[in-house]
Amino acid sequence: MASLHEIVDRSKVGHIRHSDMNAILPEYIEKIGGSSGLLYIGANSGQEIEFCKNYTKKIYAFEPIPFDSVWGQLIKHQCEKVFCYNCALSDEEGEFEIYPSSNNFESSSLLKPKVHLSEFNWVHFADPIKVKSRRLDSFKFAEECDVIIMDVQGAELKVLNGISNFDNFKLIILEYNVENTYDGACTFDELENKLTAEGFEYYESYGVYNNPNTEFYAGNAVFVRKQ
């Protein structure tokens, strides 16, 4: 498993430039020549939807947590440009358990929490609840989108494995963690291998969290389709 130093070192910029997506997204949307559609996977209550609306023609937002503080807030963003879906995305379709977290469900995952419990001990997890899961392939509009933004707490590879054809995508921004943050969580290496095989290049990381005492790290990675 690559260390955080190795991940940052092999990015095209070789260091961490930004702490959040607000500085990253405009730059990369311009780099790919604009966006016709954006898939926001793990949108929570839609905190970044209004910002993202400035950089794409349509947004399709996915959030599986059904409670008012999350789905109830996300659906308020729905309009002629924003479409919201109350389901998880994965490599399987059906009904699955998700572990709700106490930080307004921002750390909730289809995967059982492990090191997250000690690394972020102020975040607690309730008993799992059932949510619906779909493959992204099952949504026809995904073929009209060119950008993916994803934050699904270790289940990113499951979402990617639910996509049969990546040809229309130009920019993918997703979170990565160490492998034991959640039970079965994917690693950065697995994500990079998957996306490299699909024709993408790793550009940089941002919003990185690093605990040198425990060697725990997490961050967000930017992948752009090769020219």
C-alpha atoms as a PDB file:
ATOM      1  CA  MET A   1       0.000   0.000   0.000  1.00  0.00           C
ATOM      2  CA  ALA A   2       1.409   3.377  -1.012  1.00  0.00           C
ATOM      3  CA  SER A   3       2.250   5.833   1.735  1.00  0.00           C
ATOM      4  CA  LEU A   4       0.880   9.359   1.650  1.00  0.00           C
ATOM      5  CA  HIS A   5       4.348  10.637   0.714  1.00  0.00           C
ATOM      6  CA  GLU A   6       4.443   8.304  -2.282  1.00  0.00           C
ATOM      7  CA  ILE A   7       0.940   9.305  -3.377  1.00  0.00           C
ATOM      8  CA  VAL A   8       1.742  13.008  -3.242  1.00  0.00           C
ATOM      9  CA  ASP A   9       5.192  12.547  -4.779  1.00  0.00           C
ATOM     10  CA  ARG A  10       3.862  10.825  -7.881  1.00  0.00           C
ATOM     11  CA  SER A  11       1.200  13.446  -8.572  1.00  0.00           C
ATOM     12  CA  LYS A  12       1.868  15.832 -11.445  1.00  0.00           C
ATOM     13  CA  VAL A  13       2.357  18.769  -9.068  1.00  0.00           C
ATOM     14  CA  GLY A  14       4.299  16.809  -6.448  1.00  0.00           C
ATOM     15  CA  HIS A  15       2.842  18.629  -3.440  1.00  0.00           C
ATOM     16  CA  ILE A  16      -0.524  19.512  -1.876  1.00  0.00           C
ATOM     17  CA  ARG A  17      -1.837  22.801  -3.224  1.00  0.00           C
ATOM     18  CA  HIS A  18      -5.375  23.072  -1.848  1.00  0.00           C
ATOM     19  CA  SER A  19      -7.466  22.139   1.172  1.00  0.00           C
ATOM     20  CA  ASP A  20     -10.871  21.881  -0.501  1.00  0.00           C
ATOM     21  CA  MET A  21     -12.635  21.287  -3.786  1.00  0.00           C
ATOM     22  CA  ASN A  22     -13.598  24.933  -4.357  1.00  0.00           C
ATOM     23  CA  ALA A  23     -10.139  25.727  -5.697  1.00  0.00           C
ATOM     24  CA  ILE A  24      -9.763  22.465  -7.615  1.00  0.00           C
ATOM     25  CA  LEU A  25     -13.024  22.147  -9.533  1.00  0.00           C
ATOM     26  CA  PRO A  26     -12.966  25.369 -11.618  1.00  0.00           C
ATOM     27  CA  GLU A  27      -9.392  24.675 -12.737  1.00  0.00           C
ATOM     28  CA  TYR A  28     -10.096  21.139 -13.885  1.00  0.00           C
ATOM     29  CA  ILE A  29     -13.456  21.883 -15.475  1.00  0.00           C
ATOM     30  CA  GLU A  30     -11.620  24.449 -17.604  1.00  0.00           C
ATOM     31  CA  LYS A  31      -8.911  21.880 -18.347  1.00  0.00           C
ATOM     32  CA  ILE A  32     -11.438  19.395 -19.790  1.00  0.00           C
ATOM     33  CA  GLY A  33     -13.193  22.114 -21.802  1.00  0.00           C
ATOM     34  CA  GLY A  34     -16.350  22.456 -19.708  1.00  0.00           C
ATOM     35  CA  SER A  35     -18.889  19.975 -18.379  1.00  0.00           C
ATOM     36  CA  SER A  36     -22.242  18.842 -19.751  1.00  0.00           C
ATOM     37  CA  GLY A  37     -23.178  16.811 -16.667  1.00  0.00           C
ATOM     38  CA  LEU A  38     -21.830  16.023 -13.197  1.00  0.00           C
ATOM     39  CA  LEU A  39     -22.524  12.977 -11.029  1.00  0.00           C
ATOM     40  CA  TYR A  40     -22.247  13.805  -7.324  1.00  0.00           C
ATOM     41  CA  ILE A  41     -22.091  10.502  -5.455  1.00  0.00           C
ATOM     42  CA  GLY A  42     -22.383  10.718  -1.673  1.00  0.00           C
ATOM     43  CA  ALA A  43     -23.836  14.212  -1.748  1.00  0.00           C
ATOM     44  CA  ASN A  44     -24.956  14.204   1.916  1.00  0.00           C
ATOM     45  CA  SER A  45     -27.204  17.258   2.418  1.00  0.00           C
ATOM     46  CA  GLY A  46     -25.932  18.987  -0.716  1.00  0.00           C
ATOM     47  CA  GLN A  47     -23.440  21.336   0.921  1.00  0.00           C
ATOM     48  CA  GLU A  48     -21.506  21.808  -2.336  1.00  0.00           C
ATOM     49  CA  ILE A  49     -24.342  21.591  -4.853  1.00  0.00           C
ATOM     50  CA  GLU A  50     -24.811  25.345  -5.279  1.00  0.00           C
ATOM     51  CA  PHE A  51     -21.096  25.777  -5.906  1.00  0.00           C
ATOM     52  CA  CYS A  52     -20.973  22.920  -8.417  1.00  0.00           C
ATOM     53  CA  LYS A  53     -23.939  24.348 -10.333  1.00  0.00           C
ATOM     54  CA  ASN A  54     -21.639  27.091 -11.610  1.00  0.00           C
ATOM     55  CA  TYR A  55     -19.454  24.627 -13.512  1.00  0.00           C
ATOM     56  CA  THR A  56     -21.774  22.174 -15.246  1.00  0.00           C
ATOM     57  CA  LYS A  57     -25.081  22.101 -17.111  1.00  0.00           C
ATOM     58  CA  LYS A  58     -26.714  19.397 -14.967  1.00  0.00           C
ATOM     59  CA  ILE A  59     -26.067  17.691 -11.639  1.00  0.00           C
ATOM     60  CA  TYR A  60     -27.267  14.239 -10.632  1.00  0.00           C
ATOM     61  CA  ALA A  61     -26.831  13.849  -6.864  1.00  0.00           C
ATOM     62  CA  PHE A  62     -26.974  10.523  -5.011  1.00  0.00           C
ATOM     63  CA  GLU A  63     -27.410  10.080  -1.262  1.00  0.00           C
ATOM     64  CA  PRO A  64     -28.701   6.903   0.438  1.00  0.00           C
ATOM     65  CA  ILE A  65     -29.389   8.243   3.961  1.00  0.00           C
ATOM     66  CA  PRO A  66     -33.184   8.830   4.123  1.00  0.00           C
ATOM     67  CA  PHE A  67     -33.363  11.131   7.153  1.00  0.00           C
ATOM     68  CA  ASP A  68     -34.550  14.749   7.084  1.00  0.00           C
ATOM     69  CA  SER A  69     -31.178  16.289   8.025  1.00  0.00           C
ATOM     70  CA  VAL A  70     -29.629  14.721   4.926  1.00  0.00           C
ATOM     71  CA  TRP A  71     -32.056  13.651   2.202  1.00  0.00           C
ATOM     72  CA  GLY A  72     -34.605  16.250   3.370  1.00  0.00           C
ATOM     73  CA  GLN A  73     -32.010  18.988   2.817  1.00  0.00           C
ATOM     74  CA  LEU A  74     -30.572  17.562  -0.401  1.00  0.00           C
ATOM     75  CA  ILE A  75     -33.953  17.374  -2.142  1.00  0.00           C
ATOM     76  CA  LYS A  76     -34.417  21.114  -1.542  1.00  0.00           C
ATOM     77  CA  HIS A  77     -31.693  21.720  -4.137  1.00  0.00           C
ATOM     78  CA  GLN A  78     -33.646  19.913  -6.849  1.00  0.00           C
ATOM     79  CA  CYS A  79     -34.543  22.151  -9.796  1.00  0.00           C
ATOM     80  CA  GLU A  80     -34.360  22.176 -13.585  1.00  0.00           C
ATOM     81  CA  LYS A  81     -30.587  21.715 -13.261  1.00  0.00           C
ATOM     82  CA  VAL A  82     -30.291  19.422 -10.217  1.00  0.00           C
ATOM     83  CA  PHE A  83     -31.787  15.934  -9.878  1.00  0.00           C
ATOM     84  CA  CYS A  84     -31.607  13.974  -6.612  1.00  0.00           C
ATOM     85  CA  TYR A  85     -31.720  10.230  -5.990  1.00  0.00           C
ATOM     86  CA  ASN A  86     -32.177   8.604  -2.581  1.00  0.00           C
ATOM     87  CA  CYS A  87     -30.033   5.506  -3.081  1.00  0.00           C
ATOM     88  CA  ALA A  88     -26.485   4.228  -2.773  1.00  0.00           C
ATOM     89  CA  LEU A  89     -24.342   3.358  -5.776  1.00  0.00           C
ATOM     90  CA  SER A  90     -22.292   0.172  -5.831  1.00  0.00           C
ATOM     91  CA  ASP A  91     -21.379  -2.800  -8.019  1.00  0.00           C
ATOM     92  CA  GLU A  92     -24.570  -4.610  -6.973  1.00  0.00           C
ATOM     93  CA  GLU A  93     -28.258  -3.784  -7.010  1.00  0.00           C
ATOM     94  CA  GLY A  94     -30.599  -4.534  -4.151  1.00  0.00           C
ATOM     95  CA  GLU A  95     -31.021  -3.644  -0.486  1.00  0.00           C
ATOM     96  CA  PHE A  96     -27.915  -3.405   1.695  1.00  0.00           C
ATOM     97  CA  GLU A  97     -26.912  -2.225   5.152  1.00  0.00           C
ATOM     98  CA  ILE A  98     -25.293   1.145   5.717  1.00  0.00           C
ATOM     99  CA  TYR A  99     -23.666   2.277   8.964  1.00  0.00           C
ATOM    100  CA  PRO A 100     -25.007   5.742   9.952  1.00  0.00           C
ATOM    101  CA  SER A 101     -22.535   8.133  11.578  1.00  0.00           C
ATOM    102  CA  SER A 102     -23.134  10.822  14.199  1.00  0.00           C
ATOM    103  CA  ASN A 103     -21.537  13.699  12.195  1.00  0.00           C
ATOM    104  CA  ASN A 104     -24.773  14.293  10.308  1.00  0.00           C
ATOM    105  CA  PHE A 105     -24.081  11.011   8.489  1.00  0.00           C
ATOM    106  CA  GLU A 106     -21.013  12.381   6.635  1.00  0.00           C
ATOM    107  CA  SER A 107     -18.940   9.288   7.536  1.00  0.00           C
ATOM    108  CA  SER A 108     -21.717   6.778   6.868  1.00  0.00           C
ATOM    109  CA  SER A 109     -20.641   3.833   4.747  1.00  0.00           C
ATOM    110  CA  LEU A 110     -21.823   0.570   3.238  1.00  0.00           C
ATOM    111  CA  LEU A 111     -18.680  -0.807   4.885  1.00  0.00           C
ATOM    112  CA  LYS A 112     -18.354  -1.513   8.601  1.00  0.00           C
ATOM    113  CA  PRO A 113     -16.144   1.105  10.333  1.00  0.00           C
ATOM    114  CA  LYS A 114     -12.765  -0.063  11.694  1.00  0.00           C
ATOM    115  CA  VAL A 115      -9.846   2.342  12.264  1.00  0.00           C
ATOM    116  CA  HIS A 116     -12.255   5.243  11.750  1.00  0.00           C
ATOM    117  CA  LEU A 117     -13.557   4.428  15.259  1.00  0.00           C
ATOM    118  CA  SER A 118     -10.224   5.235  16.895  1.00  0.00           C
ATOM    119  CA  GLU A 119      -8.838   7.832  14.474  1.00  0.00           C
ATOM    120  CA  PHE A 120     -11.990   9.966  14.674  1.00  0.00           C
ATOM    121  CA  ASN A 121     -13.250   8.880  18.077  1.00  0.00           C
ATOM    122  CA  TRP A 122     -15.711  11.748  18.328  1.00  0.00           C
ATOM    123  CA  VAL A 123     -17.692  10.178  15.476  1.00  0.00           C
ATOM    124  CA  HIS A 124     -19.988   7.344  16.526  1.00  0.00           C
ATOM    125  CA  PHE A 125     -21.867   4.817  14.430  1.00  0.00           C
ATOM    126  CA  ALA A 126     -25.391   3.562  14.999  1.00  0.00           C
ATOM    127  CA  ASP A 127     -26.730   0.125  14.149  1.00  0.00           C
ATOM    128  CA  PRO A 128     -26.906  -0.373  10.380  1.00  0.00           C
ATOM    129  CA  ILE A 129     -30.052   0.480   8.447  1.00  0.00           C
ATOM    130  CA  LYS A 130     -31.245  -0.866   5.103  1.00  0.00           C
ATOM    131  CA  VAL A 131     -30.889   1.297   1.979  1.00  0.00           C
ATOM    132  CA  LYS A 132     -31.358   0.683  -1.727  1.00  0.00           C
ATOM    133  CA  SER A 133     -28.291   0.323  -3.924  1.00  0.00           C
ATOM    134  CA  ARG A 134     -28.028   0.674  -7.699  1.00  0.00           C
ATOM    135  CA  ARG A 135     -25.313   0.306 -10.313  1.00  0.00           C
ATOM    136  CA  LEU A 136     -24.537   3.561 -12.078  1.00  0.00           C
ATOM    137  CA  ASP A 137     -25.027   1.647 -15.336  1.00  0.00           C
ATOM    138  CA  SER A 138     -28.735   1.449 -14.556  1.00  0.00           C
ATOM    139  CA  PHE A 139     -29.126   5.221 -15.005  1.00  0.00           C
ATOM    140  CA  LYS A 140     -29.223   6.164 -18.685  1.00  0.00           C
ATOM    141  CA  PHE A 141     -28.364   9.817 -17.990  1.00  0.00           C
ATOM    142  CA  ALA A 142     -24.899   8.749 -16.761  1.00  0.00           C
ATOM    143  CA  GLU A 143     -23.898   8.420 -20.420  1.00  0.00           C
ATOM    144  CA  GLU A 144     -24.452  12.176 -20.834  1.00  0.00           C
ATOM    145  CA  CYS A 145     -22.181  13.116 -17.909  1.00  0.00           C
ATOM    146  CA  ASP A 146     -18.456  13.790 -18.057  1.00  0.00           C
ATOM    147  CA  VAL A 147     -17.556  14.502 -14.397  1.00  0.00           C
ATOM    148  CA  ILE A 148     -17.791  12.341 -11.275  1.00  0.00           C
ATOM    149  CA  ILE A 149     -17.321  13.665  -7.736  1.00  0.00           C
ATOM    150  CA  MET A 150     -17.431  10.901  -5.155  1.00  0.00           C
ATOM    151  CA  ASP A 151     -17.224  10.582  -1.377  1.00  0.00           C
ATOM    152  CA  VAL A 152     -18.504   7.186  -0.244  1.00  0.00           C
ATOM    153  CA  GLN A 153     -16.196   6.362   2.652  1.00  0.00           C
ATOM    154  CA  GLY A 154     -14.093   3.491   1.358  1.00  0.00           C
ATOM    155  CA  ALA A 155     -16.614   2.082  -1.132  1.00  0.00           C
ATOM    156  CA  GLU A 156     -15.308   4.090  -4.111  1.00  0.00           C
ATOM    157  CA  LEU A 157     -14.077   1.023  -5.998  1.00  0.00           C
ATOM    158  CA  LYS A 158     -17.509  -0.585  -5.657  1.00  0.00           C
ATOM    159  CA  VAL A 159     -19.051   2.447  -7.387  1.00  0.00           C
ATOM    160  CA  LEU A 160     -16.457   2.377 -10.160  1.00  0.00           C
ATOM    161  CA  ASN A 161     -17.070  -1.337 -10.682  1.00  0.00           C
ATOM    162  CA  GLY A 162     -20.714  -0.497 -11.311  1.00  0.00           C
ATOM    163  CA  ILE A 163     -19.700   1.391 -14.466  1.00  0.00           C
ATOM    164  CA  SER A 164     -19.226  -0.665 -17.639  1.00  0.00           C
ATOM    165  CA  ASN A 165     -18.092   2.129 -19.941  1.00  0.00           C
ATOM    166  CA  PHE A 166     -15.954   5.114 -18.908  1.00  0.00           C
ATOM    167  CA  ASP A 167     -15.591   6.617 -22.390  1.00  0.00           C
ATOM    168  CA  ASN A 168     -17.765   9.677 -21.731  1.00  0.00           C
ATOM    169  CA  PHE A 169     -16.024  10.645 -18.472  1.00  0.00           C
ATOM    170  CA  LYS A 170     -13.228  13.215 -18.516  1.00  0.00           C
ATOM    171  CA  LEU A 171     -12.730  14.086 -14.833  1.00  0.00           C
ATOM    172  CA  ILE A 172     -13.117  11.942 -11.696  1.00  0.00           C
ATOM    173  CA  ILE A 173     -12.556  13.339  -8.208  1.00  0.00           C
ATOM    174  CA  LEU A 174     -12.814  10.903  -5.307  1.00  0.00           C
ATOM    175  CA  GLU A 175     -11.818  10.320  -1.717  1.00  0.00           C
ATOM    176  CA  TYR A 176      -9.256   7.729  -0.644  1.00  0.00           C
ATOM    177  CA  ASN A 177      -8.353   6.281   2.761  1.00  0.00           C
ATOM    178  CA  VAL A 178      -6.017   3.692   4.179  1.00  0.00           C
ATOM    179  CA  GLU A 179      -7.381   0.202   3.612  1.00  0.00           C
ATOM    180  CA  ASN A 180      -8.575  -0.492   7.156  1.00  0.00           C
ATOM    181  CA  THR A 181     -10.550   2.721   7.737  1.00  0.00           C
ATOM    182  CA  TYR A 182     -13.607   0.596   6.987  1.00  0.00           C
ATOM    183  CA  ASP A 183     -13.809  -3.169   6.620  1.00  0.00           C
ATOM    184  CA  GLY A 184     -12.946  -3.891   3.003  1.00  0.00           C
ATOM    185  CA  ALA A 185     -12.199  -0.273   2.090  1.00  0.00           C
ATOM    186  CA  CYS A 186     -10.281   0.178  -1.151  1.00  0.00           C
ATOM    187  CA  THR A 187      -6.777   1.644  -1.236  1.00  0.00           C
ATOM    188  CA  PHE A 188      -5.415   4.486  -3.336  1.00  0.00           C
ATOM    189  CA  ASP A 189      -3.427   1.931  -5.343  1.00  0.00           C
ATOM    190  CA  GLU A 190      -6.586   0.023  -6.264  1.00  0.00           C
ATOM    191  CA  LEU A 191      -8.317   3.216  -7.355  1.00  0.00           C
ATOM    192  CA  GLU A 192      -5.333   4.357  -9.404  1.00  0.00           C
ATOM    193  CA  ASN A 193      -4.956   0.941 -11.053  1.00  0.00           C
ATOM    194  CA  LYS A 194      -8.645   0.863 -11.952  1.00  0.00           C
ATOM    195  CA  LEU A 195      -8.737   4.360 -13.405  1.00  0.00           C
ATOM    196  CA  THR A 196      -5.399   4.041 -15.193  1.00  0.00           C
ATOM    197  CA  ALA A 197      -6.776   0.937 -16.916  1.00  0.00           C
ATOM    198  CA  GLU A 198      -9.806   3.003 -17.948  1.00  0.00           C
ATOM    199  CA  GLY A 199      -7.636   5.698 -19.562  1.00  0.00           C
ATOM    200  CA  PHE A 200      -7.160   8.238 -16.755  1.00  0.00           C
ATOM    201  CA  GLU A 201      -4.092   9.906 -15.269  1.00  0.00           C
ATOM    202  CA  TYR A 202      -3.620  10.806 -11.615  1.00  0.00           C
ATOM    203  CA  TYR A 203      -3.006  14.549 -11.294  1.00  0.00           C
ATOM    204  CA  GLU A 204      -2.939  15.528  -7.637  1.00  0.00           C
ATOM    205  CA  SER A 205      -4.320  15.225  -4.111  1.00  0.00           C
ATOM    206  CA  TYR A 206      -6.056  17.868  -2.020  1.00  0.00           C
ATOM    207  CA  GLY A 207      -7.850  18.147   1.320  1.00  0.00           C
ATOM    208  CA  VAL A 208      -5.415  15.677   2.877  1.00  0.00           C
ATOM    209  CA  TYR A 209      -5.630  14.533   6.504  1.00  0.00           C
ATOM    210  CA  ASN A 210      -2.506  12.965   7.969  1.00  0.00           C
ATOM    211  CA  ASN A 211      -1.800  11.675  11.470  1.00  0.00           C
ATOM    212  CA  PRO A 212       1.963  11.019  11.649  1.00  0.00           C
ATOM    213  CA  ASN A 213       1.572   9.282  15.019  1.00  0.00           C
ATOM    214  CA  THR A 214      -0.569   6.508  13.588  1.00  0.00           C
ATOM    215  CA  GLU A 215       0.457   6.689   9.913  1.00  0.00           C
ATOM    216  CA  PHE A 216      -3.208   7.200   9.097  1.00  0.00           C
ATOM    217  CA  TYR A 217      -4.031   9.360   6.101  1.00  0.00           C
ATOM    218  CA  ALA A 218      -6.943  10.244   3.869  1.00  0.00           C
ATOM    219  CA  GLY A 219      -7.381  12.633   1.001  1.00  0.00           C
ATOM    220  CA  ASN A 220      -9.032  13.381  -2.311  1.00  0.00           C
ATOM    221  CA  ALA A 221      -7.533  12.477  -5.666  1.00  0.00           C
ATOM    222  CA  VAL A 222      -8.025  14.082  -9.085  1.00  0.00           C
ATOM    223  CA  PHE A 223      -7.986  11.875 -12.188  1.00  0.00           C
ATOM    224  CA  VAL A 224      -8.199  13.288 -15.726  1.00  0.00           C
ATOM    225  CA  ARG A 225      -8.722  11.337 -18.949  1.00  0.00           C
ATOM    226  CA  LYS A 226      -5.516  11.070 -20.955  1.00  0.00           C
ATOM    227  CA  GLN A 227      -5.415  13.326 -23.981  1.00  0.00           C
END
